[in-house]
PDBML (XML) file of the C-alpha atoms, coordinates in Angstrom:
<?xml version="1.0" encoding="UTF-8" ?>
<PDBx:datablock datablockName="MODEL"
   xmlns:PDBx="http://pdbml.pdb.org/schema/pdbx-v50.xsd"
   xmlns:xsi="http://www.w3.org/2001/XMLSchema-instance"
   xsi:schemaLocation="http://pdbml.pdb.org/schema/pdbx-v50.xsd pdbx-v50.xsd">
   <PDBx:atom_siteCategory>
      <PDBx:atom_site id="1">
         <PDBx:B_iso_or_equiv>0.00</PDBx:B_iso_or_equiv>
         <PDBx:Cartn_x>106.212</PDBx:Cartn_x>
         <PDBx:Cartn_y>118.185</PDBx:Cartn_y>
         <PDBx:Cartn_z>85.776</PDBx:Cartn_z>
         <PDBx:auth_asym_id>A</PDBx:auth_asym_id>
         <PDBx:auth_atom_id>CA</PDBx:auth_atom_id>
         <PDBx:auth_comp_id>ILE</PDBx:auth_comp_id>
         <PDBx:auth_seq_id>1</PDBx:auth_seq_id>
         <PDBx:group_PDB>ATOM</PDBx:group_PDB>
         <PDBx:label_alt_id xsi:nil="true" />
         <PDBx:label_asym_id>A</PDBx:label_asym_id>
         <PDBx:label_atom_id>CA</PDBx:label_atom_id>
         <PDBx:label_comp_id>ILE</PDBx:label_comp_id>
         <PDBx:label_entity_id>1</PDBx:label_entity_id>
         <PDBx:label_seq_id>1</PDBx:label_seq_id>
         <PDBx:occupancy>1.00</PDBx:occupancy>
         <PDBx:pdbx_PDB_model_num>1</PDBx:pdbx_PDB_model_num>
         <PDBx:type_symbol>C</PDBx:type_symbol>
      </PDBx:atom_site>
      <PDBx:atom_site id="2">
         <PDBx:B_iso_or_equiv>0.00</PDBx:B_iso_or_equiv>
         <PDBx:Cartn_x>105.220</PDBx:Cartn_x>
         <PDBx:Cartn_y>117.302</PDBx:Cartn_y>
         <PDBx:Cartn_z>82.294</PDBx:Cartn_z>
         <PDBx:auth_asym_id>A</PDBx:auth_asym_id>
         <PDBx:auth_atom_id>CA</PDBx:auth_atom_id>
         <PDBx:auth_comp_id>GLU</PDBx:auth_comp_id>
         <PDBx:auth_seq_id>2</PDBx:auth_seq_id>
         <PDBx:group_PDB>ATOM</PDBx:group_PDB>
         <PDBx:label_alt_id xsi:nil="true" />
         <PDBx:label_asym_id>A</PDBx:label_asym_id>
         <PDBx:label_atom_id>CA</PDBx:label_atom_id>
         <PDBx:label_comp_id>GLU</PDBx:label_comp_id>
         <PDBx:label_entity_id>1</PDBx:label_entity_id>
         <PDBx:label_seq_id>2</PDBx:label_seq_id>
         <PDBx:occupancy>1.00</PDBx:occupancy>
         <PDBx:pdbx_PDB_model_num>1</PDBx:pdbx_PDB_model_num>
         <PDBx:type_symbol>C</PDBx:type_symbol>
      </PDBx:atom_site>
      <PDBx:atom_site id="3">
         <PDBx:B_iso_or_equiv>0.00</PDBx:B_iso_or_equiv>
         <PDBx:Cartn_x>103.252</PDBx:Cartn_x>
         <PDBx:Cartn_y>114.390</PDBx:Cartn_y>
         <PDBx:Cartn_z>83.114</PDBx:Cartn_z>
         <PDBx:auth_asym_id>A</PDBx:auth_asym_id>
         <PDBx:auth_atom_id>CA</PDBx:auth_atom_id>
         <PDBx:auth_comp_id>LEU</PDBx:auth_comp_id>
         <PDBx:auth_seq_id>3</PDBx:auth_seq_id>
         <PDBx:group_PDB>ATOM</PDBx:group_PDB>
         <PDBx:label_alt_id xsi:nil="true" />
         <PDBx:label_asym_id>A</PDBx:label_asym_id>
         <PDBx:label_atom_id>CA</PDBx:label_atom_id>
         <PDBx:label_comp_id>LEU</PDBx:label_comp_id>
         <PDBx:label_entity_id>1</PDBx:label_entity_id>
         <PDBx:label_seq_id>3</PDBx:label_seq_id>
         <PDBx:occupancy>1.00</PDBx:occupancy>
         <PDBx:pdbx_PDB_model_num>1</PDBx:pdbx_PDB_model_num>
         <PDBx:type_symbol>C</PDBx:type_symbol>
      </PDBx:atom_site>
      <PDBx:atom_site id="4">
         <PDBx:B_iso_or_equiv>0.00</PDBx:B_iso_or_equiv>
         <PDBx:Cartn_x>101.587</PDBx:Cartn_x>
         <PDBx:Cartn_y>116.886</PDBx:Cartn_y>
         <PDBx:Cartn_z>86.090</PDBx:Cartn_z>
         <PDBx:auth_asym_id>A</PDBx:auth_asym_id>
         <PDBx:auth_atom_id>CA</PDBx:auth_atom_id>
         <PDBx:auth_comp_id>GLY</PDBx:auth_comp_id>
         <PDBx:auth_seq_id>4</PDBx:auth_seq_id>
         <PDBx:group_PDB>ATOM</PDBx:group_PDB>
         <PDBx:label_alt_id xsi:nil="true" />
         <PDBx:label_asym_id>A</PDBx:label_asym_id>
         <PDBx:label_atom_id>CA</PDBx:label_atom_id>
         <PDBx:label_comp_id>GLY</PDBx:label_comp_id>
         <PDBx:label_entity_id>1</PDBx:label_entity_id>
         <PDBx:label_seq_id>4</PDBx:label_seq_id>
         <PDBx:occupancy>1.00</PDBx:occupancy>
         <PDBx:pdbx_PDB_model_num>1</PDBx:pdbx_PDB_model_num>
         <PDBx:type_symbol>C</PDBx:type_symbol>
      </PDBx:atom_site>
      <PDBx:atom_site id="5">
         <PDBx:B_iso_or_equiv>0.00</PDBx:B_iso_or_equiv>
         <PDBx:Cartn_x>100.890</PDBx:Cartn_x>
         <PDBx:Cartn_y>119.596</PDBx:Cartn_y>
         <PDBx:Cartn_z>83.521</PDBx:Cartn_z>
         <PDBx:auth_asym_id>A</PDBx:auth_asym_id>
         <PDBx:auth_atom_id>CA</PDBx:auth_atom_id>
         <PDBx:auth_comp_id>LYS</PDBx:auth_comp_id>
         <PDBx:auth_seq_id>5</PDBx:auth_seq_id>
         <PDBx:group_PDB>ATOM</PDBx:group_PDB>
         <PDBx:label_alt_id xsi:nil="true" />
         <PDBx:label_asym_id>A</PDBx:label_asym_id>
         <PDBx:label_atom_id>CA</PDBx:label_atom_id>
         <PDBx:label_comp_id>LYS</PDBx:label_comp_id>
         <PDBx:label_entity_id>1</PDBx:label_entity_id>
         <PDBx:label_seq_id>5</PDBx:label_seq_id>
         <PDBx:occupancy>1.00</PDBx:occupancy>
         <PDBx:pdbx_PDB_model_num>1</PDBx:pdbx_PDB_model_num>
         <PDBx:type_symbol>C</PDBx:type_symbol>
      </PDBx:atom_site>
      <PDBx:atom_site id="6">
         <PDBx:B_iso_or_equiv>0.00</PDBx:B_iso_or_equiv>
         <PDBx:Cartn_x>99.467</PDBx:Cartn_x>
         <PDBx:Cartn_y>117.200</PDBx:Cartn_y>
         <PDBx:Cartn_z>80.997</PDBx:Cartn_z>
         <PDBx:auth_asym_id>A</PDBx:auth_asym_id>
         <PDBx:auth_atom_id>CA</PDBx:auth_atom_id>
         <PDBx:auth_comp_id>THR</PDBx:auth_comp_id>
         <PDBx:auth_seq_id>6</PDBx:auth_seq_id>
         <PDBx:group_PDB>ATOM</PDBx:group_PDB>
         <PDBx:label_alt_id xsi:nil="true" />
         <PDBx:label_asym_id>A</PDBx:label_asym_id>
         <PDBx:label_atom_id>CA</PDBx:label_atom_id>
         <PDBx:label_comp_id>THR</PDBx:label_comp_id>
         <PDBx:label_entity_id>1</PDBx:label_entity_id>
         <PDBx:label_seq_id>6</PDBx:label_seq_id>
         <PDBx:occupancy>1.00</PDBx:occupancy>
         <PDBx:pdbx_PDB_model_num>1</PDBx:pdbx_PDB_model_num>
         <PDBx:type_symbol>C</PDBx:type_symbol>
      </PDBx:atom_site>
      <PDBx:atom_site id="7">
         <PDBx:B_iso_or_equiv>0.00</PDBx:B_iso_or_equiv>
         <PDBx:Cartn_x>97.328</PDBx:Cartn_x>
         <PDBx:Cartn_y>115.731</PDBx:Cartn_y>
         <PDBx:Cartn_z>83.631</PDBx:Cartn_z>
         <PDBx:auth_asym_id>A</PDBx:auth_asym_id>
         <PDBx:auth_atom_id>CA</PDBx:auth_atom_id>
         <PDBx:auth_comp_id>GLY</PDBx:auth_comp_id>
         <PDBx:auth_seq_id>7</PDBx:auth_seq_id>
         <PDBx:group_PDB>ATOM</PDBx:group_PDB>
         <PDBx:label_alt_id xsi:nil="true" />
         <PDBx:label_asym_id>A</PDBx:label_asym_id>
         <PDBx:label_atom_id>CA</PDBx:label_atom_id>
         <PDBx:label_comp_id>GLY</PDBx:label_comp_id>
         <PDBx:label_entity_id>1</PDBx:label_entity_id>
         <PDBx:label_seq_id>7</PDBx:label_seq_id>
         <PDBx:occupancy>1.00</PDBx:occupancy>
         <PDBx:pdbx_PDB_model_num>1</PDBx:pdbx_PDB_model_num>
         <PDBx:type_symbol>C</PDBx:type_symbol>
      </PDBx:atom_site>
      <PDBx:atom_site id="8">
         <PDBx:B_iso_or_equiv>0.00</PDBx:B_iso_or_equiv>
         <PDBx:Cartn_x>96.577</PDBx:Cartn_x>
         <PDBx:Cartn_y>119.299</PDBx:Cartn_y>
         <PDBx:Cartn_z>84.584</PDBx:Cartn_z>
         <PDBx:auth_asym_id>A</PDBx:auth_asym_id>
         <PDBx:auth_atom_id>CA</PDBx:auth_atom_id>
         <PDBx:auth_comp_id>GLU</PDBx:auth_comp_id>
         <PDBx:auth_seq_id>8</PDBx:auth_seq_id>
         <PDBx:group_PDB>ATOM</PDBx:group_PDB>
         <PDBx:label_alt_id xsi:nil="true" />
         <PDBx:label_asym_id>A</PDBx:label_asym_id>
         <PDBx:label_atom_id>CA</PDBx:label_atom_id>
         <PDBx:label_comp_id>GLU</PDBx:label_comp_id>
         <PDBx:label_entity_id>1</PDBx:label_entity_id>
         <PDBx:label_seq_id>8</PDBx:label_seq_id>
         <PDBx:occupancy>1.00</PDBx:occupancy>
         <PDBx:pdbx_PDB_model_num>1</PDBx:pdbx_PDB_model_num>
         <PDBx:type_symbol>C</PDBx:type_symbol>
      </PDBx:atom_site>
      <PDBx:atom_site id="9">
         <PDBx:B_iso_or_equiv>0.00</PDBx:B_iso_or_equiv>
         <PDBx:Cartn_x>94.969</PDBx:Cartn_x>
         <PDBx:Cartn_y>119.853</PDBx:Cartn_y>
         <PDBx:Cartn_z>81.063</PDBx:Cartn_z>
         <PDBx:auth_asym_id>A</PDBx:auth_asym_id>
         <PDBx:auth_atom_id>CA</PDBx:auth_atom_id>
         <PDBx:auth_comp_id>GLU</PDBx:auth_comp_id>
         <PDBx:auth_seq_id>9</PDBx:auth_seq_id>
         <PDBx:group_PDB>ATOM</PDBx:group_PDB>
         <PDBx:label_alt_id xsi:nil="true" />
         <PDBx:label_asym_id>A</PDBx:label_asym_id>
         <PDBx:label_atom_id>CA</PDBx:label_atom_id>
         <PDBx:label_comp_id>GLU</PDBx:label_comp_id>
         <PDBx:label_entity_id>1</PDBx:label_entity_id>
         <PDBx:label_seq_id>9</PDBx:label_seq_id>
         <PDBx:occupancy>1.00</PDBx:occupancy>
         <PDBx:pdbx_PDB_model_num>1</PDBx:pdbx_PDB_model_num>
         <PDBx:type_symbol>C</PDBx:type_symbol>
      </PDBx:atom_site>
      <PDBx:atom_site id="10">
         <PDBx:B_iso_or_equiv>0.00</PDBx:B_iso_or_equiv>
         <PDBx:Cartn_x>93.416</PDBx:Cartn_x>
         <PDBx:Cartn_y>116.759</PDBx:Cartn_y>
         <PDBx:Cartn_z>80.640</PDBx:Cartn_z>
         <PDBx:auth_asym_id>A</PDBx:auth_asym_id>
         <PDBx:auth_atom_id>CA</PDBx:auth_atom_id>
         <PDBx:auth_comp_id>ILE</PDBx:auth_comp_id>
         <PDBx:auth_seq_id>10</PDBx:auth_seq_id>
         <PDBx:group_PDB>ATOM</PDBx:group_PDB>
         <PDBx:label_alt_id xsi:nil="true" />
         <PDBx:label_asym_id>A</PDBx:label_asym_id>
         <PDBx:label_atom_id>CA</PDBx:label_atom_id>
         <PDBx:label_comp_id>ILE</PDBx:label_comp_id>
         <PDBx:label_entity_id>1</PDBx:label_entity_id>
         <PDBx:label_seq_id>10</PDBx:label_seq_id>
         <PDBx:occupancy>1.00</PDBx:occupancy>
         <PDBx:pdbx_PDB_model_num>1</PDBx:pdbx_PDB_model_num>
         <PDBx:type_symbol>C</PDBx:type_symbol>
      </PDBx:atom_site>
      <PDBx:atom_site id="11">
         <PDBx:B_iso_or_equiv>0.00</PDBx:B_iso_or_equiv>
         <PDBx:Cartn_x>91.396</PDBx:Cartn_x>
         <PDBx:Cartn_y>117.487</PDBx:Cartn_y>
         <PDBx:Cartn_z>84.075</PDBx:Cartn_z>
         <PDBx:auth_asym_id>A</PDBx:auth_asym_id>
         <PDBx:auth_atom_id>CA</PDBx:auth_atom_id>
         <PDBx:auth_comp_id>ALA</PDBx:auth_comp_id>
         <PDBx:auth_seq_id>11</PDBx:auth_seq_id>
         <PDBx:group_PDB>ATOM</PDBx:group_PDB>
         <PDBx:label_alt_id xsi:nil="true" />
         <PDBx:label_asym_id>A</PDBx:label_asym_id>
         <PDBx:label_atom_id>CA</PDBx:label_atom_id>
         <PDBx:label_comp_id>ALA</PDBx:label_comp_id>
         <PDBx:label_entity_id>1</PDBx:label_entity_id>
         <PDBx:label_seq_id>11</PDBx:label_seq_id>
         <PDBx:occupancy>1.00</PDBx:occupancy>
         <PDBx:pdbx_PDB_model_num>1</PDBx:pdbx_PDB_model_num>
         <PDBx:type_symbol>C</PDBx:type_symbol>
      </PDBx:atom_site>
      <PDBx:atom_site id="12">
         <PDBx:B_iso_or_equiv>0.00</PDBx:B_iso_or_equiv>
         <PDBx:Cartn_x>90.659</PDBx:Cartn_x>
         <PDBx:Cartn_y>121.272</PDBx:Cartn_y>
         <PDBx:Cartn_z>82.911</PDBx:Cartn_z>
         <PDBx:auth_asym_id>A</PDBx:auth_asym_id>
         <PDBx:auth_atom_id>CA</PDBx:auth_atom_id>
         <PDBx:auth_comp_id>PHE</PDBx:auth_comp_id>
         <PDBx:auth_seq_id>12</PDBx:auth_seq_id>
         <PDBx:group_PDB>ATOM</PDBx:group_PDB>
         <PDBx:label_alt_id xsi:nil="true" />
         <PDBx:label_asym_id>A</PDBx:label_asym_id>
         <PDBx:label_atom_id>CA</PDBx:label_atom_id>
         <PDBx:label_comp_id>PHE</PDBx:label_comp_id>
         <PDBx:label_entity_id>1</PDBx:label_entity_id>
         <PDBx:label_seq_id>12</PDBx:label_seq_id>
         <PDBx:occupancy>1.00</PDBx:occupancy>
         <PDBx:pdbx_PDB_model_num>1</PDBx:pdbx_PDB_model_num>
         <PDBx:type_symbol>C</PDBx:type_symbol>
      </PDBx:atom_site>
      <PDBx:atom_site id="13">
         <PDBx:B_iso_or_equiv>0.00</PDBx:B_iso_or_equiv>
         <PDBx:Cartn_x>89.170</PDBx:Cartn_x>
         <PDBx:Cartn_y>119.867</PDBx:Cartn_y>
         <PDBx:Cartn_z>79.773</PDBx:Cartn_z>
         <PDBx:auth_asym_id>A</PDBx:auth_asym_id>
         <PDBx:auth_atom_id>CA</PDBx:auth_atom_id>
         <PDBx:auth_comp_id>ASN</PDBx:auth_comp_id>
         <PDBx:auth_seq_id>13</PDBx:auth_seq_id>
         <PDBx:group_PDB>ATOM</PDBx:group_PDB>
         <PDBx:label_alt_id xsi:nil="true" />
         <PDBx:label_asym_id>A</PDBx:label_asym_id>
         <PDBx:label_atom_id>CA</PDBx:label_atom_id>
         <PDBx:label_comp_id>ASN</PDBx:label_comp_id>
         <PDBx:label_entity_id>1</PDBx:label_entity_id>
         <PDBx:label_seq_id>13</PDBx:label_seq_id>
         <PDBx:occupancy>1.00</PDBx:occupancy>
         <PDBx:pdbx_PDB_model_num>1</PDBx:pdbx_PDB_model_num>
         <PDBx:type_symbol>C</PDBx:type_symbol>
      </PDBx:atom_site>
      <PDBx:atom_site id="14">
         <PDBx:B_iso_or_equiv>0.00</PDBx:B_iso_or_equiv>
         <PDBx:Cartn_x>87.180</PDBx:Cartn_x>
         <PDBx:Cartn_y>117.294</PDBx:Cartn_y>
         <PDBx:Cartn_z>81.427</PDBx:Cartn_z>
         <PDBx:auth_asym_id>A</PDBx:auth_asym_id>
         <PDBx:auth_atom_id>CA</PDBx:auth_atom_id>
         <PDBx:auth_comp_id>TYR</PDBx:auth_comp_id>
         <PDBx:auth_seq_id>14</PDBx:auth_seq_id>
         <PDBx:group_PDB>ATOM</PDBx:group_PDB>
         <PDBx:label_alt_id xsi:nil="true" />
         <PDBx:label_asym_id>A</PDBx:label_asym_id>
         <PDBx:label_atom_id>CA</PDBx:label_atom_id>
         <PDBx:label_comp_id>TYR</PDBx:label_comp_id>
         <PDBx:label_entity_id>1</PDBx:label_entity_id>
         <PDBx:label_seq_id>14</PDBx:label_seq_id>
         <PDBx:occupancy>1.00</PDBx:occupancy>
         <PDBx:pdbx_PDB_model_num>1</PDBx:pdbx_PDB_model_num>
         <PDBx:type_symbol>C</PDBx:type_symbol>
      </PDBx:atom_site>
      <PDBx:atom_site id="15">
         <PDBx:B_iso_or_equiv>0.00</PDBx:B_iso_or_equiv>
         <PDBx:Cartn_x>85.568</PDBx:Cartn_x>
         <PDBx:Cartn_y>119.740</PDBx:Cartn_y>
         <PDBx:Cartn_z>83.729</PDBx:Cartn_z>
         <PDBx:auth_asym_id>A</PDBx:auth_asym_id>
         <PDBx:auth_atom_id>CA</PDBx:auth_atom_id>
         <PDBx:auth_comp_id>LEU</PDBx:auth_comp_id>
         <PDBx:auth_seq_id>15</PDBx:auth_seq_id>
         <PDBx:group_PDB>ATOM</PDBx:group_PDB>
         <PDBx:label_alt_id xsi:nil="true" />
         <PDBx:label_asym_id>A</PDBx:label_asym_id>
         <PDBx:label_atom_id>CA</PDBx:label_atom_id>
         <PDBx:label_comp_id>LEU</PDBx:label_comp_id>
         <PDBx:label_entity_id>1</PDBx:label_entity_id>
         <PDBx:label_seq_id>15</PDBx:label_seq_id>
         <PDBx:occupancy>1.00</PDBx:occupancy>
         <PDBx:pdbx_PDB_model_num>1</PDBx:pdbx_PDB_model_num>
         <PDBx:type_symbol>C</PDBx:type_symbol>
      </PDBx:atom_site>
      <PDBx:atom_site id="16">
         <PDBx:B_iso_or_equiv>0.00</PDBx:B_iso_or_equiv>
         <PDBx:Cartn_x>84.917</PDBx:Cartn_x>
         <PDBx:Cartn_y>122.262</PDBx:Cartn_y>
         <PDBx:Cartn_z>80.617</PDBx:Cartn_z>
         <PDBx:auth_asym_id>A</PDBx:auth_asym_id>
         <PDBx:auth_atom_id>CA</PDBx:auth_atom_id>
         <PDBx:auth_comp_id>LEU</PDBx:auth_comp_id>
         <PDBx:auth_seq_id>16</PDBx:auth_seq_id>
         <PDBx:group_PDB>ATOM</PDBx:group_PDB>
         <PDBx:label_alt_id xsi:nil="true" />
         <PDBx:label_asym_id>A</PDBx:label_asym_id>
         <PDBx:label_atom_id>CA</PDBx:label_atom_id>
         <PDBx:label_comp_id>LEU</PDBx:label_comp_id>
         <PDBx:label_entity_id>1</PDBx:label_entity_id>
         <PDBx:label_seq_id>16</PDBx:label_seq_id>
         <PDBx:occupancy>1.00</PDBx:occupancy>
         <PDBx:pdbx_PDB_model_num>1</PDBx:pdbx_PDB_model_num>
         <PDBx:type_symbol>C</PDBx:type_symbol>
      </PDBx:atom_site>
      <PDBx:atom_site id="17">
         <PDBx:B_iso_or_equiv>0.00</PDBx:B_iso_or_equiv>
         <PDBx:Cartn_x>83.091</PDBx:Cartn_x>
         <PDBx:Cartn_y>119.445</PDBx:Cartn_y>
         <PDBx:Cartn_z>78.998</PDBx:Cartn_z>
         <PDBx:auth_asym_id>A</PDBx:auth_asym_id>
         <PDBx:auth_atom_id>CA</PDBx:auth_atom_id>
         <PDBx:auth_comp_id>ASN</PDBx:auth_comp_id>
         <PDBx:auth_seq_id>17</PDBx:auth_seq_id>
         <PDBx:group_PDB>ATOM</PDBx:group_PDB>
         <PDBx:label_alt_id xsi:nil="true" />
         <PDBx:label_asym_id>A</PDBx:label_asym_id>
         <PDBx:label_atom_id>CA</PDBx:label_atom_id>
         <PDBx:label_comp_id>ASN</PDBx:label_comp_id>
         <PDBx:label_entity_id>1</PDBx:label_entity_id>
         <PDBx:label_seq_id>17</PDBx:label_seq_id>
         <PDBx:occupancy>1.00</PDBx:occupancy>
         <PDBx:pdbx_PDB_model_num>1</PDBx:pdbx_PDB_model_num>
         <PDBx:type_symbol>C</PDBx:type_symbol>
      </PDBx:atom_site>
      <PDBx:atom_site id="18">
         <PDBx:B_iso_or_equiv>0.00</PDBx:B_iso_or_equiv>
         <PDBx:Cartn_x>80.806</PDBx:Cartn_x>
         <PDBx:Cartn_y>118.615</PDBx:Cartn_y>
         <PDBx:Cartn_z>82.226</PDBx:Cartn_z>
         <PDBx:auth_asym_id>A</PDBx:auth_asym_id>
         <PDBx:auth_atom_id>CA</PDBx:auth_atom_id>
         <PDBx:auth_comp_id>LYS</PDBx:auth_comp_id>
         <PDBx:auth_seq_id>18</PDBx:auth_seq_id>
         <PDBx:group_PDB>ATOM</PDBx:group_PDB>
         <PDBx:label_alt_id xsi:nil="true" />
         <PDBx:label_asym_id>A</PDBx:label_asym_id>
         <PDBx:label_atom_id>CA</PDBx:label_atom_id>
         <PDBx:label_comp_id>LYS</PDBx:label_comp_id>
         <PDBx:label_entity_id>1</PDBx:label_entity_id>
         <PDBx:label_seq_id>18</PDBx:label_seq_id>
         <PDBx:occupancy>1.00</PDBx:occupancy>
         <PDBx:pdbx_PDB_model_num>1</PDBx:pdbx_PDB_model_num>
         <PDBx:type_symbol>C</PDBx:type_symbol>
      </PDBx:atom_site>
      <PDBx:atom_site id="19">
         <PDBx:B_iso_or_equiv>0.00</PDBx:B_iso_or_equiv>
         <PDBx:Cartn_x>79.481</PDBx:Cartn_x>
         <PDBx:Cartn_y>122.136</PDBx:Cartn_y>
         <PDBx:Cartn_z>81.874</PDBx:Cartn_z>
         <PDBx:auth_asym_id>A</PDBx:auth_asym_id>
         <PDBx:auth_atom_id>CA</PDBx:auth_atom_id>
         <PDBx:auth_comp_id>GLN</PDBx:auth_comp_id>
         <PDBx:auth_seq_id>19</PDBx:auth_seq_id>
         <PDBx:group_PDB>ATOM</PDBx:group_PDB>
         <PDBx:label_alt_id xsi:nil="true" />
         <PDBx:label_asym_id>A</PDBx:label_asym_id>
         <PDBx:label_atom_id>CA</PDBx:label_atom_id>
         <PDBx:label_comp_id>GLN</PDBx:label_comp_id>
         <PDBx:label_entity_id>1</PDBx:label_entity_id>
         <PDBx:label_seq_id>19</PDBx:label_seq_id>
         <PDBx:occupancy>1.00</PDBx:occupancy>
         <PDBx:pdbx_PDB_model_num>1</PDBx:pdbx_PDB_model_num>
         <PDBx:type_symbol>C</PDBx:type_symbol>
      </PDBx:atom_site>
      <PDBx:atom_site id="20">
         <PDBx:B_iso_or_equiv>0.00</PDBx:B_iso_or_equiv>
         <PDBx:Cartn_x>82.102</PDBx:Cartn_x>
         <PDBx:Cartn_y>123.686</PDBx:Cartn_y>
         <PDBx:Cartn_z>84.533</PDBx:Cartn_z>
         <PDBx:auth_asym_id>A</PDBx:auth_asym_id>
         <PDBx:auth_atom_id>CA</PDBx:auth_atom_id>
         <PDBx:auth_comp_id>TYR</PDBx:auth_comp_id>
         <PDBx:auth_seq_id>20</PDBx:auth_seq_id>
         <PDBx:group_PDB>ATOM</PDBx:group_PDB>
         <PDBx:label_alt_id xsi:nil="true" />
         <PDBx:label_asym_id>A</PDBx:label_asym_id>
         <PDBx:label_atom_id>CA</PDBx:label_atom_id>
         <PDBx:label_comp_id>TYR</PDBx:label_comp_id>
         <PDBx:label_entity_id>1</PDBx:label_entity_id>
         <PDBx:label_seq_id>20</PDBx:label_seq_id>
         <PDBx:occupancy>1.00</PDBx:occupancy>
         <PDBx:pdbx_PDB_model_num>1</PDBx:pdbx_PDB_model_num>
         <PDBx:type_symbol>C</PDBx:type_symbol>
      </PDBx:atom_site>
      <PDBx:atom_site id="21">
         <PDBx:B_iso_or_equiv>0.00</PDBx:B_iso_or_equiv>
         <PDBx:Cartn_x>82.880</PDBx:Cartn_x>
         <PDBx:Cartn_y>127.602</PDBx:Cartn_y>
         <PDBx:Cartn_z>84.062</PDBx:Cartn_z>
         <PDBx:auth_asym_id>A</PDBx:auth_asym_id>
         <PDBx:auth_atom_id>CA</PDBx:auth_atom_id>
         <PDBx:auth_comp_id>LYS</PDBx:auth_comp_id>
         <PDBx:auth_seq_id>21</PDBx:auth_seq_id>
         <PDBx:group_PDB>ATOM</PDBx:group_PDB>
         <PDBx:label_alt_id xsi:nil="true" />
         <PDBx:label_asym_id>A</PDBx:label_asym_id>
         <PDBx:label_atom_id>CA</PDBx:label_atom_id>
         <PDBx:label_comp_id>LYS</PDBx:label_comp_id>
         <PDBx:label_entity_id>1</PDBx:label_entity_id>
         <PDBx:label_seq_id>21</PDBx:label_seq_id>
         <PDBx:occupancy>1.00</PDBx:occupancy>
         <PDBx:pdbx_PDB_model_num>1</PDBx:pdbx_PDB_model_num>
         <PDBx:type_symbol>C</PDBx:type_symbol>
      </PDBx:atom_site>
      <PDBx:atom_site id="22">
         <PDBx:B_iso_or_equiv>0.00</PDBx:B_iso_or_equiv>
         <PDBx:Cartn_x>86.774</PDBx:Cartn_x>
         <PDBx:Cartn_y>128.050</PDBx:Cartn_y>
         <PDBx:Cartn_z>84.623</PDBx:Cartn_z>
         <PDBx:auth_asym_id>A</PDBx:auth_asym_id>
         <PDBx:auth_atom_id>CA</PDBx:auth_atom_id>
         <PDBx:auth_comp_id>SER</PDBx:auth_comp_id>
         <PDBx:auth_seq_id>22</PDBx:auth_seq_id>
         <PDBx:group_PDB>ATOM</PDBx:group_PDB>
         <PDBx:label_alt_id xsi:nil="true" />
         <PDBx:label_asym_id>A</PDBx:label_asym_id>
         <PDBx:label_atom_id>CA</PDBx:label_atom_id>
         <PDBx:label_comp_id>SER</PDBx:label_comp_id>
         <PDBx:label_entity_id>1</PDBx:label_entity_id>
         <PDBx:label_seq_id>22</PDBx:label_seq_id>
         <PDBx:occupancy>1.00</PDBx:occupancy>
         <PDBx:pdbx_PDB_model_num>1</PDBx:pdbx_PDB_model_num>
         <PDBx:type_symbol>C</PDBx:type_symbol>
      </PDBx:atom_site>
      <PDBx:atom_site id="23">
         <PDBx:B_iso_or_equiv>0.00</PDBx:B_iso_or_equiv>
         <PDBx:Cartn_x>87.900</PDBx:Cartn_x>
         <PDBx:Cartn_y>131.083</PDBx:Cartn_y>
         <PDBx:Cartn_z>86.907</PDBx:Cartn_z>
         <PDBx:auth_asym_id>A</PDBx:auth_asym_id>
         <PDBx:auth_atom_id>CA</PDBx:auth_atom_id>
         <PDBx:auth_comp_id>LEU</PDBx:auth_comp_id>
         <PDBx:auth_seq_id>23</PDBx:auth_seq_id>
         <PDBx:group_PDB>ATOM</PDBx:group_PDB>
         <PDBx:label_alt_id xsi:nil="true" />
         <PDBx:label_asym_id>A</PDBx:label_asym_id>
         <PDBx:label_atom_id>CA</PDBx:label_atom_id>
         <PDBx:label_comp_id>LEU</PDBx:label_comp_id>
         <PDBx:label_entity_id>1</PDBx:label_entity_id>
         <PDBx:label_seq_id>23</PDBx:label_seq_id>
         <PDBx:occupancy>1.00</PDBx:occupancy>
         <PDBx:pdbx_PDB_model_num>1</PDBx:pdbx_PDB_model_num>
         <PDBx:type_symbol>C</PDBx:type_symbol>
      </PDBx:atom_site>
      <PDBx:atom_site id="24">
         <PDBx:B_iso_or_equiv>0.00</PDBx:B_iso_or_equiv>
         <PDBx:Cartn_x>91.509</PDBx:Cartn_x>
         <PDBx:Cartn_y>130.386</PDBx:Cartn_y>
         <PDBx:Cartn_z>87.381</PDBx:Cartn_z>
         <PDBx:auth_asym_id>A</PDBx:auth_asym_id>
         <PDBx:auth_atom_id>CA</PDBx:auth_atom_id>
         <PDBx:auth_comp_id>ASN</PDBx:auth_comp_id>
         <PDBx:auth_seq_id>24</PDBx:auth_seq_id>
         <PDBx:group_PDB>ATOM</PDBx:group_PDB>
         <PDBx:label_alt_id xsi:nil="true" />
         <PDBx:label_asym_id>A</PDBx:label_asym_id>
         <PDBx:label_atom_id>CA</PDBx:label_atom_id>
         <PDBx:label_comp_id>ASN</PDBx:label_comp_id>
         <PDBx:label_entity_id>1</PDBx:label_entity_id>
         <PDBx:label_seq_id>24</PDBx:label_seq_id>
         <PDBx:occupancy>1.00</PDBx:occupancy>
         <PDBx:pdbx_PDB_model_num>1</PDBx:pdbx_PDB_model_num>
         <PDBx:type_symbol>C</PDBx:type_symbol>
      </PDBx:atom_site>
   </PDBx:atom_siteCategory>
</PDBx:datablock>
């Protein structure tokens, strides 16, 4: 569960850095 949450955080920041706009 911790690994999953960490992975989601990594993916979230990775996509933000690619100029993706977060909706949800």
